[in-house]
Amino acid sequence: GSSFDSSIPTGDVELPAYTTIDVSAVWKLSPKLETYLAIDNLTDEQYEQFVGFEVRGIAPRLGIKLNY
């Protein structure tokens, strides 16, 4: 559903509802090492989470995690 936010320049603003799809996968390479891939906002939805701050488009992330 929609949400409300406010700022000094805009006052109270109703932000429209939005839906995003985020996906992620983790591959465990060893007991101490894993790699991951995540994609946020897969459908490239354009929205404002907070008034005046548009969320950028598709956001891919790739990483390695080392556990000691």
PDB file of N, CA and C in Angstrom:
ATOM      1  N   GLY A   1       0.802  -1.174   0.000  1.00  0.00           N
ATOM      2  CA  GLY A   1       0.000   0.000   0.000  1.00  0.00           C
ATOM      3  C   GLY A   1       0.856   1.254   0.000  1.00  0.00           C
ATOM      4  N   SER A   2       0.215   2.353  -0.097  1.00  0.00           N
ATOM      5  CA  SER A   2       0.929   3.624  -0.096  1.00  0.00           C
ATOM      6  C   SER A   2       1.462   3.904   1.308  1.00  0.00           C
ATOM      7  N   SER A   3       2.369   4.864   1.383  1.00  0.00           N
ATOM      8  CA  SER A   3       2.935   5.245   2.673  1.00  0.00           C
ATOM      9  C   SER A   3       3.052   6.761   2.733  1.00  0.00           C
ATOM     10  N   PHE A   4       3.230   7.264   3.927  1.00  0.00           N
ATOM     11  CA  PHE A   4       3.364   8.709   4.113  1.00  0.00           C
ATOM     12  C   PHE A   4       4.776   9.027   4.563  1.00  0.00           C
ATOM     13  N   ASP A   5       5.288  10.163   4.104  1.00  0.00           N
ATOM     14  CA  ASP A   5       6.591  10.665   4.511  1.00  0.00           C
ATOM     15  C   ASP A   5       6.487  12.181   4.517  1.00  0.00           C
ATOM     16  N   SER A   6       7.468  12.828   5.058  1.00  0.00           N
ATOM     17  CA  SER A   6       7.455  14.296   5.047  1.00  0.00           C
ATOM     18  C   SER A   6       8.873  14.821   5.054  1.00  0.00           C
ATOM     19  N   SER A   7       9.005  16.037   4.576  1.00  0.00           N
ATOM     20  CA  SER A   7      10.272  16.753   4.644  1.00  0.00           C
ATOM     21  C   SER A   7       9.926  18.225   4.808  1.00  0.00           C
ATOM     22  N   ILE A   8      10.885  19.027   5.182  1.00  0.00           N
ATOM     23  CA  ILE A   8      10.619  20.451   5.369  1.00  0.00           C
ATOM     24  C   ILE A   8      10.155  21.101   4.070  1.00  0.00           C
ATOM     25  N   PRO A   9      10.821  20.858   2.907  1.00  0.00           N
ATOM     26  CA  PRO A   9      10.351  21.522   1.688  1.00  0.00           C
ATOM     27  C   PRO A   9       8.992  21.047   1.177  1.00  0.00           C
ATOM     28  N   THR A  10       8.650  19.761   1.413  1.00  0.00           N
ATOM     29  CA  THR A  10       7.422  19.222   0.816  1.00  0.00           C
ATOM     30  C   THR A  10       6.264  19.111   1.784  1.00  0.00           C
ATOM     31  N   GLY A  11       6.531  19.068   3.076  1.00  0.00           N
ATOM     32  CA  GLY A  11       5.472  18.770   4.042  1.00  0.00           C
ATOM     33  C   GLY A  11       5.087  17.307   3.936  1.00  0.00           C
ATOM     34  N   ASP A  12       3.879  16.974   4.370  1.00  0.00           N
ATOM     35  CA  ASP A  12       3.421  15.582   4.298  1.00  0.00           C
ATOM     36  C   ASP A  12       3.136  15.195   2.852  1.00  0.00           C
ATOM     37  N   VAL A  13       3.620  14.019   2.467  1.00  0.00           N
ATOM     38  CA  VAL A  13       3.445  13.524   1.098  1.00  0.00           C
ATOM     39  C   VAL A  13       3.030  12.063   1.174  1.00  0.00           C
ATOM     40  N   GLU A  14       2.048  11.688   0.349  1.00  0.00           N
ATOM     41  CA  GLU A  14       1.673  10.279   0.231  1.00  0.00           C
ATOM     42  C   GLU A  14       2.467   9.678  -0.927  1.00  0.00           C
ATOM     43  N   LEU A  15       3.270   8.677  -0.620  1.00  0.00           N
ATOM     44  CA  LEU A  15       4.069   8.000  -1.639  1.00  0.00           C
ATOM     45  C   LEU A  15       3.278   6.807  -2.168  1.00  0.00           C
ATOM     46  N   PRO A  16       3.259   6.620  -3.491  1.00  0.00           N
ATOM     47  CA  PRO A  16       2.486   5.504  -4.049  1.00  0.00           C
ATOM     48  C   PRO A  16       3.079   4.146  -3.673  1.00  0.00           C
ATOM     49  N   ALA A  17       2.217   3.140  -3.698  1.00  0.00           N
ATOM     50  CA  ALA A  17       2.645   1.769  -3.413  1.00  0.00           C
ATOM     51  C   ALA A  17       3.597   1.278  -4.498  1.00  0.00           C
ATOM     52  N   TYR A  18       4.454   0.331  -4.129  1.00  0.00           N
ATOM     53  CA  TYR A  18       5.371  -0.273  -5.096  1.00  0.00           C
ATOM     54  C   TYR A  18       5.661  -1.705  -4.677  1.00  0.00           C
ATOM     55  N   THR A  19       6.081  -2.501  -5.640  1.00  0.00           N
ATOM     56  CA  THR A  19       6.458  -3.890  -5.388  1.00  0.00           C
ATOM     57  C   THR A  19       7.801  -4.139  -6.049  1.00  0.00           C
ATOM     58  N   THR A  20       8.700  -4.756  -5.307  1.00  0.00           N
ATOM     59  CA  THR A  20       9.991  -5.111  -5.892  1.00  0.00           C
ATOM     60  C   THR A  20      10.204  -6.612  -5.750  1.00  0.00           C
ATOM     61  N   ILE A  21      11.047  -7.139  -6.616  1.00  0.00           N
ATOM     62  CA  ILE A  21      11.445  -8.546  -6.550  1.00  0.00           C
ATOM     63  C   ILE A  21      12.951  -8.580  -6.352  1.00  0.00           C
ATOM     64  N   ASP A  22      13.377  -9.231  -5.272  1.00  0.00           N
ATOM     65  CA  ASP A  22      14.797  -9.404  -4.970  1.00  0.00           C
ATOM     66  C   ASP A  22      15.093 -10.904  -4.965  1.00  0.00           C
ATOM     67  N   VAL A  23      16.215 -11.302  -5.551  1.00  0.00           N
ATOM     68  CA  VAL A  23      16.605 -12.710  -5.565  1.00  0.00           C
ATOM     69  C   VAL A  23      18.050 -12.820  -5.086  1.00  0.00           C
ATOM     70  N   SER A  24      18.378 -13.971  -4.499  1.00  0.00           N
ATOM     71  CA  SER A  24      19.752 -14.192  -4.056  1.00  0.00           C
ATOM     72  C   SER A  24      20.056 -15.680  -4.040  1.00  0.00           C
ATOM     73  N   ALA A  25      21.331 -15.992  -4.150  1.00  0.00           N
ATOM     74  CA  ALA A  25      21.797 -17.379  -4.096  1.00  0.00           C
ATOM     75  C   ALA A  25      23.146 -17.406  -3.389  1.00  0.00           C
ATOM     76  N   VAL A  26      23.375 -18.466  -2.636  1.00  0.00           N
ATOM     77  CA  VAL A  26      24.638 -18.640  -1.914  1.00  0.00           C
ATOM     78  C   VAL A  26      25.196 -20.012  -2.267  1.00  0.00           C
ATOM     79  N   TRP A  27      26.487 -20.060  -2.568  1.00  0.00           N
ATOM     80  CA  TRP A  27      27.180 -21.311  -2.848  1.00  0.00           C
ATOM     81  C   TRP A  27      28.253 -21.509  -1.796  1.00  0.00           C
ATOM     82  N   LYS A  28      28.143 -22.596  -1.052  1.00  0.00           N
ATOM     83  CA  LYS A  28      29.129 -22.910  -0.023  1.00  0.00           C
ATOM     84  C   LYS A  28      30.257 -23.702  -0.675  1.00  0.00           C
ATOM     85  N   LEU A  29      31.431 -23.084  -0.775  1.00  0.00           N
ATOM     86  CA  LEU A  29      32.566 -23.711  -1.437  1.00  0.00           C
ATOM     87  C   LEU A  29      33.362 -24.599  -0.496  1.00  0.00           C
ATOM     88  N   SER A  30      33.349 -24.289   0.791  1.00  0.00           N
ATOM     89  CA  SER A  30      34.009 -25.079   1.825  1.00  0.00           C
ATOM     90  C   SER A  30      33.365 -24.683   3.151  1.00  0.00           C
ATOM     91  N   PRO A  31      33.711 -25.332   4.255  1.00  0.00           N
ATOM     92  CA  PRO A  31      33.115 -24.949   5.537  1.00  0.00           C
ATOM     93  C   PRO A  31      33.374 -23.485   5.924  1.00  0.00           C
ATOM     94  N   LYS A  32      34.432 -22.906   5.398  1.00  0.00           N
ATOM     95  CA  LYS A  32      34.766 -21.526   5.769  1.00  0.00           C
ATOM     96  C   LYS A  32      34.592 -20.508   4.647  1.00  0.00           C
ATOM     97  N   LEU A  33      34.268 -20.963   3.441  1.00  0.00           N
ATOM     98  CA  LEU A  33      34.223 -20.055   2.306  1.00  0.00           C
ATOM     99  C   LEU A  33      32.925 -20.219   1.522  1.00  0.00           C
ATOM    100  N   GLU A  34      32.276 -19.097   1.253  1.00  0.00           N
ATOM    101  CA  GLU A  34      31.083 -19.126   0.411  1.00  0.00           C
ATOM    102  C   GLU A  34      31.065 -17.894  -0.484  1.00  0.00           C
ATOM    103  N   THR A  35      30.354 -18.017  -1.582  1.00  0.00           N
ATOM    104  CA  THR A  35      30.185 -16.901  -2.503  1.00  0.00           C
ATOM    105  C   THR A  35      28.686 -16.667  -2.686  1.00  0.00           C
ATOM    106  N   TYR A  36      28.322 -15.450  -3.010  1.00  0.00           N
ATOM    107  CA  TYR A  36      26.900 -15.151  -3.157  1.00  0.00           C
ATOM    108  C   TYR A  36      26.653 -14.219  -4.330  1.00  0.00           C
ATOM    109  N   LEU A  37      25.457 -14.282  -4.855  1.00  0.00           N
ATOM    110  CA  LEU A  37      24.970 -13.402  -5.912  1.00  0.00           C
ATOM    111  C   LEU A  37      23.584 -12.944  -5.495  1.00  0.00           C
ATOM    112  N   ALA A  38      23.339 -11.645  -5.562  1.00  0.00           N
ATOM    113  CA  ALA A  38      22.030 -11.094  -5.222  1.00  0.00           C
ATOM    114  C   ALA A  38      21.667 -10.023  -6.237  1.00  0.00           C
ATOM    115  N   ILE A  39      20.407  -9.947  -6.564  1.00  0.00           N
ATOM    116  CA  ILE A  39      19.911  -8.893  -7.453  1.00  0.00           C
ATOM    117  C   ILE A  39      18.702  -8.271  -6.778  1.00  0.00           C
ATOM    118  N   ASP A  40      18.813  -6.994  -6.456  1.00  0.00           N
ATOM    119  CA  ASP A  40      17.716  -6.243  -5.857  1.00  0.00           C
ATOM    120  C   ASP A  40      16.973  -5.494  -6.954  1.00  0.00           C
ATOM    121  N   ASN A  41      15.666  -5.388  -6.803  1.00  0.00           N
ATOM    122  CA  ASN A  41      14.807  -4.667  -7.747  1.00  0.00           C
ATOM    123  C   ASN A  41      14.935  -5.242  -9.160  1.00  0.00           C
ATOM    124  N   LEU A  42      14.770  -6.537  -9.257  1.00  0.00           N
ATOM    125  CA  LEU A  42      14.944  -7.269 -10.514  1.00  0.00           C
ATOM    126  C   LEU A  42      14.099  -6.721 -11.659  1.00  0.00           C
ATOM    127  N   THR A  43      12.920  -6.186 -11.364  1.00  0.00           N
ATOM    128  CA  THR A  43      12.032  -5.676 -12.410  1.00  0.00           C
ATOM    129  C   THR A  43      12.266  -4.197 -12.724  1.00  0.00           C
ATOM    130  N   ASP A  44      13.281  -3.604 -12.123  1.00  0.00           N
ATOM    131  CA  ASP A  44      13.654  -2.203 -12.369  1.00  0.00           C
ATOM    132  C   ASP A  44      12.501  -1.240 -12.041  1.00  0.00           C
ATOM    133  N   GLU A  45      11.805  -1.506 -10.944  1.00  0.00           N
ATOM    134  CA  GLU A  45      10.705  -0.655 -10.489  1.00  0.00           C
ATOM    135  C   GLU A  45      11.239   0.721 -10.087  1.00  0.00           C
ATOM    136  N   GLN A  46      10.595   1.777 -10.550  1.00  0.00           N
ATOM    137  CA  GLN A  46      10.969   3.142 -10.187  1.00  0.00           C
ATOM    138  C   GLN A  46      10.058   3.598  -9.050  1.00  0.00           C
ATOM    139  N   TYR A  47      10.648   3.949  -7.903  1.00  0.00           N
ATOM    140  CA  TYR A  47       9.844   4.352  -6.756  1.00  0.00           C
ATOM    141  C   TYR A  47      10.667   5.216  -5.814  1.00  0.00           C
ATOM    142  N   GLU A  48       9.974   5.848  -4.880  1.00  0.00           N
ATOM    143  CA  GLU A  48      10.622   6.601  -3.820  1.00  0.00           C
ATOM    144  C   GLU A  48      10.327   5.892  -2.502  1.00  0.00           C
ATOM    145  N   GLN A  49      11.368   5.449  -1.822  1.00  0.00           N
ATOM    146  CA  GLN A  49      11.186   4.840  -0.510  1.00  0.00           C
ATOM    147  C   GLN A  49      10.985   5.941   0.531  1.00  0.00           C
ATOM    148  N   PHE A  50      11.655   7.067   0.334  1.00  0.00           N
ATOM    149  CA  PHE A  50      11.519   8.252   1.167  1.00  0.00           C
ATOM    150  C   PHE A  50      11.318   9.436   0.236  1.00  0.00           C
ATOM    151  N   VAL A  51      10.553  10.424   0.644  1.00  0.00           N
ATOM    152  CA  VAL A  51      10.239  11.564  -0.214  1.00  0.00           C
ATOM    153  C   VAL A  51      11.533  12.234  -0.690  1.00  0.00           C
ATOM    154  N   GLY A  52      11.638  12.415  -2.016  1.00  0.00           N
ATOM    155  CA  GLY A  52      12.804  13.064  -2.611  1.00  0.00           C
ATOM    156  C   GLY A  52      13.973  12.156  -2.914  1.00  0.00           C
ATOM    157  N   PHE A  53      13.878  10.873  -2.591  1.00  0.00           N
ATOM    158  CA  PHE A  53      14.986   9.944  -2.817  1.00  0.00           C
ATOM    159  C   PHE A  53      14.516   8.790  -3.682  1.00  0.00           C
ATOM    160  N   GLU A  54      14.671   8.930  -4.997  1.00  0.00           N
ATOM    161  CA  GLU A  54      14.305   7.845  -5.903  1.00  0.00           C
ATOM    162  C   GLU A  54      15.296   6.702  -5.760  1.00  0.00           C
ATOM    163  N   VAL A  55      14.776   5.492  -5.766  1.00  0.00           N
ATOM    164  CA  VAL A  55      15.626   4.307  -5.679  1.00  0.00           C
ATOM    165  C   VAL A  55      16.183   4.023  -7.061  1.00  0.00           C
ATOM    166  N   ARG A  56      17.481   3.743  -7.116  1.00  0.00           N
ATOM    167  CA  ARG A  56      18.083   3.442  -8.418  1.00  0.00           C
ATOM    168  C   ARG A  56      17.517   2.137  -8.949  1.00  0.00           C
ATOM    169  N   GLY A  57      17.822   1.817 -10.177  1.00  0.00           N
ATOM    170  CA  GLY A  57      17.269   0.636 -10.843  1.00  0.00           C
ATOM    171  C   GLY A  57      17.778  -0.669 -10.286  1.00  0.00           C
ATOM    172  N   ILE A  58      17.985  -1.622 -11.146  1.00  0.00           N
ATOM    173  CA  ILE A  58      18.458  -2.952 -10.771  1.00  0.00           C
ATOM    174  C   ILE A  58      19.812  -2.831 -10.074  1.00  0.00           C
ATOM    175  N   ALA A  59      19.960  -3.542  -8.953  1.00  0.00           N
ATOM    176  CA  ALA A  59      21.192  -3.456  -8.162  1.00  0.00           C
ATOM    177  C   ALA A  59      21.777  -4.856  -7.929  1.00  0.00           C
ATOM    178  N   PRO A  60      22.697  -5.287  -8.806  1.00  0.00           N
ATOM    179  CA  PRO A  60      23.317  -6.600  -8.601  1.00  0.00           C
ATOM    180  C   PRO A  60      24.468  -6.516  -7.593  1.00  0.00           C
ATOM    181  N   ARG A  61      24.661  -7.601  -6.845  1.00  0.00           N
ATOM    182  CA  ARG A  61      25.771  -7.705  -5.896  1.00  0.00           C
ATOM    183  C   ARG A  61      26.377  -9.095  -6.010  1.00  0.00           C
ATOM    184  N   LEU A  62      27.683  -9.155  -5.952  1.00  0.00           N
ATOM    185  CA  LEU A  62      28.420 -10.416  -6.000  1.00  0.00           C
ATOM    186  C   LEU A  62      29.491 -10.337  -4.932  1.00  0.00           C
ATOM    187  N   GLY A  63      29.665 -11.390  -4.163  1.00  0.00           N
ATOM    188  CA  GLY A  63      30.651 -11.305  -3.101  1.00  0.00           C
ATOM    189  C   GLY A  63      31.151 -12.648  -2.635  1.00  0.00           C
ATOM    190  N   ILE A  64      32.154 -12.571  -1.793  1.00  0.00           N
ATOM    191  CA  ILE A  64      32.757 -13.756  -1.161  1.00  0.00           C
ATOM    192  C   ILE A  64      32.757 -13.514   0.336  1.00  0.00           C
ATOM    193  N   LYS A  65      32.401 -14.551   1.094  1.00  0.00           N
ATOM    194  CA  LYS A  65      32.373 -14.451   2.550  1.00  0.00           C
ATOM    195  C   LYS A  65      33.306 -15.514   3.120  1.00  0.00           C
ATOM    196  N   LEU A  66      34.219 -15.080   3.980  1.00  0.00           N
ATOM    197  CA  LEU A  66      35.172 -15.970   4.620  1.00  0.00           C
ATOM    198  C   LEU A  66      34.872 -15.992   6.113  1.00  0.00           C
ATOM    199  N   ASN A  67      34.586 -17.162   6.653  1.00  0.00           N
ATOM    200  CA  ASN A  67      34.314 -17.327   8.089  1.00  0.00           C
ATOM    201  C   ASN A  67      35.563 -17.845   8.778  1.00  0.00           C
ATOM    202  N   TYR A  68      35.928 -17.196   9.849  1.00  0.00           N
ATOM    203  CA  TYR A  68      37.111 -17.639  10.613  1.00  0.00           C
ATOM    204  C   TYR A  68      36.733 -18.642  11.662  1.00  0.00           C
TER     205      TYR A  68
END
